[in-house]
Amino acid sequence: MANGLDGEIKILVAEVAEVSLDKLDDPNISFSDLDIDSMKALEIAAAVEKKYKLIIPEGEIPKIRNLAQVIDMVKRLKG
């Protein structure tokens, strides 16, 4: 995965989810496969909102199921 924004988000997700970075090498691996439950996903969303000063629409949060989706959402919301 590229450095820059993608790398920052990967590190943030790994820290909040308490998983090692290498487990996120495949950005399409499902959060459920990494034992990241819905509460942890909410924590990830909150951390992303705080770090990037974004507001994630409530309806979007349940749709976030992997790192690639988090990265895409941040890029879309940042414009």
C-alpha atoms as a PDB file:
ATOM      1  CA  MET A   1       0.000   0.000   0.000  1.00  0.00           C
ATOM      2  CA  ALA A   2       1.195   3.485  -0.760  1.00  0.00           C
ATOM      3  CA  ASN A   3       2.494   5.848   1.852  1.00  0.00           C
ATOM      4  CA  GLY A   4       0.939   9.261   2.350  1.00  0.00           C
ATOM      5  CA  LEU A   5      -2.755   9.383   3.153  1.00  0.00           C
ATOM      6  CA  ASP A   6      -3.301   5.659   2.582  1.00  0.00           C
ATOM      7  CA  GLY A   7      -0.462   4.830   4.961  1.00  0.00           C
ATOM      8  CA  GLU A   8      -1.699   7.276   7.605  1.00  0.00           C
ATOM      9  CA  ILE A   9      -5.167   5.742   7.523  1.00  0.00           C
ATOM     10  CA  LYS A  10      -3.719   2.225   7.694  1.00  0.00           C
ATOM     11  CA  ILE A  11      -1.729   3.165  10.816  1.00  0.00           C
ATOM     12  CA  LEU A  12      -4.757   4.851  12.398  1.00  0.00           C
ATOM     13  CA  VAL A  13      -6.990   1.831  11.775  1.00  0.00           C
ATOM     14  CA  ALA A  14      -4.332  -0.559  13.104  1.00  0.00           C
ATOM     15  CA  GLU A  15      -3.922   1.492  16.295  1.00  0.00           C
ATOM     16  CA  VAL A  16      -7.632   1.858  16.990  1.00  0.00           C
ATOM     17  CA  ALA A  17      -8.437  -1.746  16.091  1.00  0.00           C
ATOM     18  CA  GLU A  18      -5.393  -3.011  17.990  1.00  0.00           C
ATOM     19  CA  VAL A  19      -4.159  -5.141  15.089  1.00  0.00           C
ATOM     20  CA  SER A  20      -0.678  -5.305  13.628  1.00  0.00           C
ATOM     21  CA  LEU A  21       0.016  -3.336  10.452  1.00  0.00           C
ATOM     22  CA  ASP A  22       0.888  -6.486   8.518  1.00  0.00           C
ATOM     23  CA  LYS A  23      -2.661  -7.789   9.040  1.00  0.00           C
ATOM     24  CA  LEU A  24      -3.818  -4.783   7.011  1.00  0.00           C
ATOM     25  CA  ASP A  25      -1.417  -5.380   4.115  1.00  0.00           C
ATOM     26  CA  ASP A  26      -4.427  -6.535   2.097  1.00  0.00           C
ATOM     27  CA  PRO A  27      -6.720  -3.490   2.302  1.00  0.00           C
ATOM     28  CA  ASN A  28      -9.668  -5.624   1.175  1.00  0.00           C
ATOM     29  CA  ILE A  29      -9.541  -8.103   4.075  1.00  0.00           C
ATOM     30  CA  SER A  30     -12.806  -7.948   5.945  1.00  0.00           C
ATOM     31  CA  PHE A  31     -12.784  -6.315   9.360  1.00  0.00           C
ATOM     32  CA  SER A  32     -14.784  -9.283  10.638  1.00  0.00           C
ATOM     33  CA  ASP A  33     -11.907 -11.569   9.590  1.00  0.00           C
ATOM     34  CA  LEU A  34      -9.676  -9.442  11.825  1.00  0.00           C
ATOM     35  CA  ASP A  35     -12.121  -9.656  14.754  1.00  0.00           C
ATOM     36  CA  ILE A  36     -13.000  -5.958  14.384  1.00  0.00           C
ATOM     37  CA  ASP A  37     -16.587  -5.744  15.598  1.00  0.00           C
ATOM     38  CA  SER A  38     -19.155  -2.996  15.051  1.00  0.00           C
ATOM     39  CA  MET A  39     -18.125  -1.143  18.215  1.00  0.00           C
ATOM     40  CA  LYS A  40     -14.508  -1.079  17.073  1.00  0.00           C
ATOM     41  CA  ALA A  41     -15.679   0.093  13.639  1.00  0.00           C
ATOM     42  CA  LEU A  42     -17.440   3.007  15.349  1.00  0.00           C
ATOM     43  CA  GLU A  43     -14.201   3.838  17.160  1.00  0.00           C
ATOM     44  CA  ILE A  44     -12.360   3.781  13.827  1.00  0.00           C
ATOM     45  CA  ALA A  45     -14.963   6.111  12.303  1.00  0.00           C
ATOM     46  CA  ALA A  46     -14.675   8.505  15.260  1.00  0.00           C
ATOM     47  CA  ALA A  47     -10.875   8.524  15.042  1.00  0.00           C
ATOM     48  CA  VAL A  48     -11.017   9.208  11.293  1.00  0.00           C
ATOM     49  CA  GLU A  49     -13.492  12.056  11.829  1.00  0.00           C
ATOM     50  CA  LYS A  50     -11.281  13.616  14.492  1.00  0.00           C
ATOM     51  CA  LYS A  51      -7.986  13.252  12.622  1.00  0.00           C
ATOM     52  CA  TYR A  52      -9.248  14.482   9.263  1.00  0.00           C
ATOM     53  CA  LYS A  53     -11.916  16.874  10.570  1.00  0.00           C
ATOM     54  CA  LEU A  54     -14.660  15.074   8.662  1.00  0.00           C
ATOM     55  CA  ILE A  55     -18.250  14.187   9.374  1.00  0.00           C
ATOM     56  CA  ILE A  56     -19.094  10.668   8.277  1.00  0.00           C
ATOM     57  CA  PRO A  57     -22.802  10.323   7.516  1.00  0.00           C
ATOM     58  CA  GLU A  58     -24.340   7.868   9.999  1.00  0.00           C
ATOM     59  CA  GLY A  59     -25.647   5.665   7.215  1.00  0.00           C
ATOM     60  CA  GLU A  60     -22.129   5.193   5.852  1.00  0.00           C
ATOM     61  CA  ILE A  61     -20.591   3.765   9.015  1.00  0.00           C
ATOM     62  CA  PRO A  62     -22.247   0.312   8.850  1.00  0.00           C
ATOM     63  CA  LYS A  63     -21.089  -0.008   5.221  1.00  0.00           C
ATOM     64  CA  ILE A  64     -17.419   0.233   6.194  1.00  0.00           C
ATOM     65  CA  ARG A  65     -16.143  -3.328   6.177  1.00  0.00           C
ATOM     66  CA  ASN A  66     -12.453  -3.041   5.310  1.00  0.00           C
ATOM     67  CA  LEU A  67      -9.481  -0.701   5.132  1.00  0.00           C
ATOM     68  CA  ALA A  68      -9.985   0.028   1.428  1.00  0.00           C
ATOM     69  CA  GLN A  69     -13.478   1.345   2.159  1.00  0.00           C
ATOM     70  CA  VAL A  70     -12.155   3.587   4.948  1.00  0.00           C
ATOM     71  CA  ILE A  71      -9.524   5.024   2.601  1.00  0.00           C
ATOM     72  CA  ASP A  72     -12.057   5.567  -0.195  1.00  0.00           C
ATOM     73  CA  MET A  73     -14.481   7.266   2.196  1.00  0.00           C
ATOM     74  CA  VAL A  74     -11.845   9.645   3.564  1.00  0.00           C
ATOM     75  CA  LYS A  75     -10.715  10.598   0.063  1.00  0.00           C
ATOM     76  CA  ARG A  76     -14.311  11.161  -1.040  1.00  0.00           C
ATOM     77  CA  LEU A  77     -15.230  13.251   1.997  1.00  0.00           C
ATOM     78  CA  LYS A  78     -12.031  15.290   1.832  1.00  0.00           C
ATOM     79  CA  GLY A  79     -12.839  16.096  -1.791  1.00  0.00           C
END
